[in-house]
N, C-alpha and C. Protein backbone atom coordinates (compact mmCIF):
# COMPACT_ATOMS: atom_id res chain seq x y z
N UNK A 1 13.58 -1.58 -23.27
CA UNK A 1 14.29 -0.59 -22.99
C UNK A 1 14.09 0.81 -22.13
N UNK A 2 12.74 1.04 -22.49
CA UNK A 2 12.21 2.01 -21.96
C UNK A 2 12.17 1.91 -20.36
N UNK A 3 11.84 0.83 -19.74
CA UNK A 3 11.64 0.46 -18.60
C UNK A 3 12.55 0.28 -17.58
N UNK A 4 14.31 0.09 -18.25
CA UNK A 4 15.32 0.40 -17.48
C UNK A 4 15.48 2.06 -17.25
N UNK A 5 15.03 2.75 -18.36
CA UNK A 5 15.43 4.15 -18.23
C UNK A 5 14.71 5.04 -17.29
N UNK A 6 13.27 4.37 -17.23
CA UNK A 6 12.51 4.81 -16.40
C UNK A 6 12.93 4.39 -14.99
N UNK A 7 13.20 3.20 -14.61
CA UNK A 7 13.75 2.66 -13.22
C UNK A 7 14.88 3.45 -13.12
N UNK A 8 16.30 3.63 -13.99
CA UNK A 8 17.44 4.79 -13.93
C UNK A 8 16.84 6.39 -13.24
N UNK A 9 16.15 6.76 -14.10
CA UNK A 9 15.67 8.19 -13.86
C UNK A 9 14.89 8.04 -12.36
N UNK A 10 14.08 7.14 -12.09
CA UNK A 10 13.40 6.94 -10.52
C UNK A 10 14.33 6.71 -9.53
N UNK A 11 15.31 6.04 -9.96
CA UNK A 11 16.52 5.51 -9.12
C UNK A 11 17.25 6.82 -8.48
N UNK A 12 17.84 7.87 -9.85
CA UNK A 12 18.48 8.79 -9.71
C UNK A 12 17.68 9.87 -8.64
N UNK A 13 16.48 9.87 -8.91
CA UNK A 13 15.69 10.76 -8.24
C UNK A 13 15.36 10.24 -6.52
N UNK A 14 15.10 9.04 -6.45
CA UNK A 14 15.19 8.61 -5.23
C UNK A 14 16.36 8.55 -4.36
N UNK A 15 17.60 8.33 -5.14
CA UNK A 15 18.65 8.44 -4.40
C UNK A 15 18.91 10.15 -3.81
N UNK A 16 18.93 11.16 -4.63
CA UNK A 16 19.11 12.49 -4.54
C UNK A 16 18.24 12.72 -3.24
N UNK A 17 16.76 12.09 -3.39
CA UNK A 17 15.94 12.48 -2.33
C UNK A 17 16.21 12.10 -1.15
N UNK A 18 16.82 10.58 -0.91
CA UNK A 18 17.29 9.83 0.28
C UNK A 18 18.61 10.84 0.76
N UNK A 19 19.11 11.03 -0.04
CA UNK A 19 20.14 11.91 0.78
C UNK A 19 19.99 13.38 1.18
N UNK A 20 19.10 14.08 0.16
CA UNK A 20 18.50 15.44 0.68
C UNK A 20 17.63 15.10 2.58
N UNK A 21 16.65 14.31 2.14
CA UNK A 21 16.07 13.76 3.59
C UNK A 21 16.95 13.71 5.02
N UNK A 22 17.49 12.74 4.35
CA UNK A 22 18.51 12.45 5.47
C UNK A 22 19.25 13.51 5.85
N UNK A 23 20.05 14.04 5.11
CA UNK A 23 20.75 15.04 5.64
C UNK A 23 20.19 16.27 6.35
N UNK A 24 18.84 16.42 6.05
CA UNK A 24 18.13 17.95 6.38
C UNK A 24 17.58 17.73 7.59
N UNK A 25 17.01 16.16 8.31
CA UNK A 25 16.68 15.53 9.30
C UNK A 25 17.85 15.48 10.27
N UNK A 26 18.94 15.14 9.62
CA UNK A 26 20.25 15.26 10.49
C UNK A 26 20.95 16.23 11.39
N UNK A 27 20.88 17.09 10.38
CA UNK A 27 21.04 18.70 10.64
C UNK A 27 20.11 19.38 11.72
N UNK A 28 18.56 19.13 11.59
CA UNK A 28 17.84 19.17 12.39
C UNK A 28 17.73 18.72 13.76
N UNK A 29 17.99 17.57 13.89
CA UNK A 29 17.59 16.67 15.00
C UNK A 29 19.07 15.74 15.50
N UNK A 30 20.10 16.20 15.04
CA UNK A 30 21.45 15.51 15.36
C UNK A 30 21.68 13.95 14.99
N UNK A 31 22.53 13.29 15.40
CA UNK A 31 23.11 12.16 14.81
C UNK A 31 22.73 11.29 16.49
N UNK A 32 22.45 11.33 17.31
CA UNK A 32 22.37 10.57 18.56
C UNK A 32 21.56 9.36 18.15
N UNK A 33 20.72 9.63 17.38
CA UNK A 33 19.80 8.87 16.96
C UNK A 33 19.61 8.74 15.50
N UNK A 34 19.46 7.81 14.46
CA UNK A 34 19.38 7.55 12.97
C UNK A 34 18.01 8.46 12.53
N UNK A 35 17.59 9.56 13.08
CA UNK A 35 16.27 9.90 12.65
C UNK A 35 16.35 10.15 10.97
N UNK A 36 17.28 10.45 10.43
CA UNK A 36 16.91 10.68 9.08
C UNK A 36 16.98 9.39 8.28
N UNK A 37 17.42 8.18 8.85
CA UNK A 37 17.08 7.04 8.34
C UNK A 37 15.59 6.88 8.23
N UNK A 38 15.23 7.00 9.87
CA UNK A 38 13.94 6.75 10.17
C UNK A 38 12.74 7.48 8.94
N UNK A 39 12.72 8.64 9.37
CA UNK A 39 12.16 9.25 8.42
C UNK A 39 12.03 8.79 6.85
N UNK A 40 13.13 8.42 6.45
CA UNK A 40 13.41 8.24 4.70
C UNK A 40 12.85 6.84 5.00
N UNK A 41 12.75 5.70 5.93
CA UNK A 41 12.08 4.52 5.74
C UNK A 41 10.48 4.64 5.96
N UNK A 42 10.10 5.60 6.75
CA UNK A 42 8.82 5.75 6.95
C UNK A 42 7.92 6.33 5.94
N UNK A 43 8.92 7.79 5.27
CA UNK A 43 8.11 8.01 4.09
C UNK A 43 8.10 7.33 2.78
N UNK A 44 8.73 6.34 2.84
CA UNK A 44 9.12 5.32 2.00
C UNK A 44 7.65 4.28 2.13
N UNK A 45 7.04 3.98 3.04
CA UNK A 45 6.37 3.04 3.39
C UNK A 45 4.93 3.74 2.84
N UNK A 46 5.18 4.92 3.38
CA UNK A 46 3.72 5.68 2.79
C UNK A 46 3.37 6.10 1.44
N UNK A 47 4.77 6.44 0.55
CA UNK A 47 5.11 6.35 -0.71
C UNK A 47 4.34 4.95 -1.41
N UNK A 48 5.13 3.78 -1.02
CA UNK A 48 4.88 2.65 -1.65
C UNK A 48 3.35 2.00 -1.44
N UNK A 49 2.98 2.30 0.14
CA UNK A 49 1.58 2.07 -0.16
C UNK A 49 0.50 2.54 -0.60
N UNK A 50 0.77 3.97 -1.04
CA UNK A 50 -0.12 4.36 -1.68
C UNK A 50 -0.11 4.22 -3.29
N UNK A 51 1.17 4.18 -3.72
CA UNK A 51 1.50 3.82 -4.85
C UNK A 51 1.22 2.70 -5.46
N UNK A 52 1.39 1.80 -5.25
CA UNK A 52 0.84 0.31 -5.20
C UNK A 52 -0.60 0.01 -5.34
N UNK A 53 -1.23 0.64 -4.30
CA UNK A 53 -2.59 0.58 -4.19
C UNK A 53 -3.11 1.46 -5.40
N UNK A 54 -2.99 2.82 -5.32
CA UNK A 54 -3.34 3.50 -6.55
C UNK A 54 -3.13 2.56 -7.66
N UNK A 55 -1.87 2.40 -8.27
CA UNK A 55 -1.72 1.70 -9.66
C UNK A 55 -2.62 0.32 -9.59
N UNK A 56 -2.60 -0.22 -8.65
CA UNK A 56 -3.41 -1.34 -8.77
C UNK A 56 -4.91 -1.19 -8.80
N UNK A 57 -5.40 -0.33 -8.44
CA UNK A 57 -6.94 0.08 -8.84
C UNK A 57 -7.17 0.92 -10.06
N UNK A 58 -6.25 1.39 -10.82
CA UNK A 58 -6.14 2.30 -12.16
C UNK A 58 -5.47 1.59 -12.96
N UNK A 59 -6.25 0.24 -13.36
CA UNK A 59 -5.69 -0.04 -14.77
C UNK A 59 -5.19 0.56 -15.85
N UNK A 60 -6.30 1.83 -15.94
CA UNK A 60 -6.11 2.70 -17.12
C UNK A 60 -4.54 3.34 -17.29
N UNK A 61 -3.67 3.19 -15.79
CA UNK A 61 -2.59 4.23 -16.08
C UNK A 61 -1.54 3.48 -16.76
N UNK A 62 -0.69 4.10 -17.29
CA UNK A 62 0.45 3.42 -17.95
C UNK A 62 1.43 2.25 -16.78
N UNK A 63 1.95 1.65 -17.01
CA UNK A 63 2.85 0.81 -16.61
C UNK A 63 3.93 1.15 -16.33
N UNK A 64 4.28 2.21 -16.97
CA UNK A 64 5.73 3.11 -16.76
C UNK A 64 5.51 3.40 -15.38
N UNK A 65 4.55 4.19 -14.92
CA UNK A 65 4.58 4.38 -13.28
C UNK A 65 5.36 3.39 -12.51
N UNK A 66 5.02 1.98 -12.85
CA UNK A 66 5.27 1.35 -11.79
C UNK A 66 6.80 0.77 -11.88
N UNK A 67 7.67 1.34 -13.03
CA UNK A 67 8.88 1.15 -13.09
C UNK A 67 9.22 2.28 -12.65
N UNK A 68 8.63 3.69 -12.78
CA UNK A 68 9.42 4.80 -12.22
C UNK A 68 9.36 5.41 -10.98
N UNK A 69 8.32 5.12 -10.35
CA UNK A 69 7.91 5.21 -8.95
C UNK A 69 8.15 4.18 -7.94
N UNK A 70 7.65 3.02 -7.86
CA UNK A 70 7.84 2.01 -6.76
C UNK A 70 9.24 1.30 -7.17
N UNK A 71 9.26 0.85 -8.30
CA UNK A 71 10.87 0.03 -8.63
C UNK A 71 12.04 1.08 -8.67
N UNK A 72 11.83 2.17 -9.21
CA UNK A 72 12.93 3.50 -9.25
C UNK A 72 13.01 3.76 -8.48
N UNK A 73 12.18 5.01 -8.04
CA UNK A 73 12.24 5.84 -6.78
C UNK A 73 12.80 5.16 -5.65
N UNK A 74 11.60 4.78 -5.37
CA UNK A 74 11.38 3.94 -3.73
C UNK A 74 12.29 2.86 -3.77
N UNK A 75 12.65 2.15 -4.68
CA UNK A 75 13.96 1.37 -4.59
C UNK A 75 15.51 2.10 -4.14
N UNK A 76 15.28 2.98 -4.71
CA UNK A 76 16.62 4.19 -4.48
C UNK A 76 16.38 4.64 -3.14
N UNK A 77 15.27 5.00 -3.06
CA UNK A 77 14.92 5.77 -2.26
C UNK A 77 15.28 5.05 -0.40
N UNK A 78 14.62 3.92 -0.36
CA UNK A 78 14.76 2.90 0.67
C UNK A 78 14.11 1.85 0.32
N UNK A 79 14.71 0.50 0.32
CA UNK A 79 14.22 -0.87 0.09
C UNK A 79 13.38 -1.52 1.59
N UNK A 80 13.63 -0.96 2.60
CA UNK A 80 12.69 -1.17 3.87
C UNK A 80 11.27 -0.99 3.55
N UNK A 81 10.67 -0.17 2.70
CA UNK A 81 9.19 -0.15 2.41
C UNK A 81 8.86 -1.34 1.67
N UNK A 82 9.86 -1.77 0.74
CA UNK A 82 9.17 -3.19 0.57
C UNK A 82 8.99 -4.15 0.92
N UNK A 83 10.08 -4.30 1.75
CA UNK A 83 10.01 -5.20 3.19
C UNK A 83 8.42 -5.39 3.98
N UNK A 84 8.40 -4.03 4.38
CA UNK A 84 7.21 -3.68 5.01
C UNK A 84 5.63 -3.92 3.83
N UNK A 85 5.79 -3.57 2.86
CA UNK A 85 4.80 -3.73 1.86
C UNK A 85 4.76 -5.27 1.91
N UNK A 86 5.66 -6.31 1.27
CA UNK A 86 5.48 -7.68 1.25
C UNK A 86 4.97 -8.26 2.31
N UNK A 87 5.70 -7.67 3.73
CA UNK A 87 5.13 -8.55 4.97
C UNK A 87 3.49 -8.21 5.23
N UNK A 88 2.99 -6.89 4.70
CA UNK A 88 1.73 -6.31 4.75
C UNK A 88 0.94 -7.36 3.99
N UNK A 89 1.58 -7.78 2.69
CA UNK A 89 0.88 -8.15 1.72
C UNK A 89 0.49 -9.75 2.12
N UNK A 90 1.47 -10.69 2.55
CA UNK A 90 1.57 -11.97 3.27
C UNK A 90 0.47 -11.94 4.39
N UNK A 91 0.47 -10.94 5.31
CA UNK A 91 -0.71 -10.66 6.09
C UNK A 91 -2.31 -10.53 5.76
N UNK A 92 -2.11 -9.99 4.56
CA UNK A 92 -3.52 -9.79 3.68
C UNK A 92 -3.88 -10.84 3.26
N UNK A 93 -3.09 -11.90 2.86
CA UNK A 93 -3.42 -13.02 2.19
C UNK A 93 -3.54 -14.20 3.32
N UNK A 94 -3.57 -13.80 4.15
CA UNK A 94 -3.96 -14.52 5.48
C UNK A 94 -2.78 -15.52 6.03
N UNK A 95 -1.59 -15.78 5.67
CA UNK A 95 -0.35 -15.94 6.13
C UNK A 95 0.32 -15.71 6.95
N UNK A 96 -0.21 -15.60 8.59
CA UNK A 96 -0.06 -14.84 9.27
C UNK A 96 1.51 -15.40 9.77
N UNK A 97 1.52 -16.45 10.01
CA UNK A 97 2.83 -17.35 10.40
C UNK A 97 4.14 -16.98 9.41
N UNK A 98 3.21 -17.06 7.96
CA UNK A 98 4.52 -16.68 7.26
C UNK A 98 5.28 -15.30 7.28
N UNK A 99 4.18 -14.58 7.26
CA UNK A 99 4.69 -13.02 7.77
C UNK A 99 5.16 -12.70 8.71
N UNK A 100 5.13 -13.72 10.24
CA UNK A 100 5.69 -13.18 10.98
C UNK A 100 7.48 -14.12 11.02
N UNK A 101 7.77 -14.96 10.31
CA UNK A 101 8.95 -15.37 9.81
C UNK A 101 9.66 -14.64 9.04
N UNK A 102 8.73 -14.25 7.82
CA UNK A 102 9.59 -13.33 6.95
C UNK A 102 9.83 -12.16 7.75
N UNK A 103 9.32 -11.45 8.07
CA UNK A 103 9.56 -10.18 9.28
C UNK A 103 10.53 -10.49 9.91
N UNK A 104 10.52 -11.43 11.12
CA UNK A 104 11.38 -11.60 12.01
C UNK A 104 13.14 -12.18 11.27
N UNK A 105 12.78 -12.96 10.54
CA UNK A 105 13.96 -13.54 9.51
C UNK A 105 14.78 -12.65 8.89
N UNK A 106 13.85 -11.60 8.17
CA UNK A 106 14.56 -10.39 7.91
C UNK A 106 15.39 -9.57 8.83
N UNK A 107 14.65 -9.70 10.00
CA UNK A 107 15.50 -8.29 10.98
C UNK A 107 16.84 -9.46 11.09
N UNK A 108 16.45 -10.59 11.79
CA UNK A 108 17.22 -11.29 12.31
C UNK A 108 18.70 -11.51 11.31
N UNK A 109 18.52 -12.08 10.60
CA UNK A 109 19.42 -12.73 9.24
C UNK A 109 19.93 -11.13 8.64
N UNK A 110 19.00 -10.57 8.53
CA UNK A 110 19.48 -8.99 8.24
C UNK A 110 21.04 -8.61 9.18
N UNK A 111 20.70 -8.35 10.53
CA UNK A 111 21.46 -8.00 11.49
C UNK A 111 22.80 -8.78 11.77
N UNK A 112 22.64 -10.39 11.17
CA UNK A 112 23.76 -11.22 11.42
C UNK A 112 24.54 -11.05 10.20
N UNK A 113 23.85 -10.66 9.04
CA UNK A 113 24.88 -10.27 7.80
C UNK A 113 25.51 -9.12 7.78
N UNK A 114 25.06 -7.97 8.36
CA UNK A 114 25.59 -6.54 8.89
C UNK A 114 26.92 -7.29 9.37
N UNK A 115 26.61 -7.97 10.65
CA UNK A 115 27.66 -8.09 11.33
C UNK A 115 29.02 -9.02 11.00
N UNK A 116 28.54 -10.07 10.11
CA UNK A 116 29.35 -10.91 9.19
C UNK A 116 30.13 -9.87 8.18
N UNK A 117 29.67 -9.14 7.77
CA UNK A 117 30.09 -8.18 6.96
C UNK A 117 31.22 -7.35 7.59
N UNK A 118 31.04 -6.68 8.72
CA UNK A 118 31.72 -6.05 9.68
C UNK A 118 33.10 -6.81 10.16
N UNK A 119 32.56 -8.21 10.50
CA UNK A 119 33.73 -9.09 11.12
C UNK A 119 34.98 -9.08 9.63
N UNK A 120 34.03 -9.26 8.65
CA UNK A 120 35.23 -9.69 7.24
C UNK A 120 35.75 -8.24 7.27
N UNK A 121 35.30 -7.30 7.30
CA UNK A 121 36.21 -6.04 6.75
C UNK A 121 37.13 -5.91 7.85
N UNK A 122 36.54 -6.01 9.09
CA UNK A 122 37.90 -5.99 10.49
C UNK A 122 38.92 -6.84 10.01
N UNK A 123 38.66 -8.35 9.68
CA UNK A 123 39.62 -9.09 9.37
C UNK A 123 40.58 -8.74 8.52
N UNK A 124 40.53 -7.96 7.45
CA UNK A 124 41.24 -7.52 6.28
C UNK A 124 42.04 -6.24 6.25
N UNK A 125 41.34 -5.29 7.15
CA UNK A 125 41.86 -4.07 7.40
C UNK A 125 42.75 -3.84 8.09
């Protein structure tokens, strides 16, 4: 039960941080380009890279940190960082072809899925 509470707490903080960062960046840079989302995604990549590497090297730290930060906070802040982490992990494991298929497949299939969702919504609206 504790891990679910940690995930929920991290998720609440992550979604608030995403809103705050996105709004602050958009207020400064405008809406012609999705700067807010870009900044959120890039900062999430830094945070997940640091956190998972640090926690992986520090076995003495409580596993609770893994639920609070990478799963809860970053999961709500941005899932793009998880996609990037998994791609890097696959590359580091030496599976370059698999990493490229995953990266390209996620991009192309994700874009197609968003398009399909839009078409479905337009069809019933």
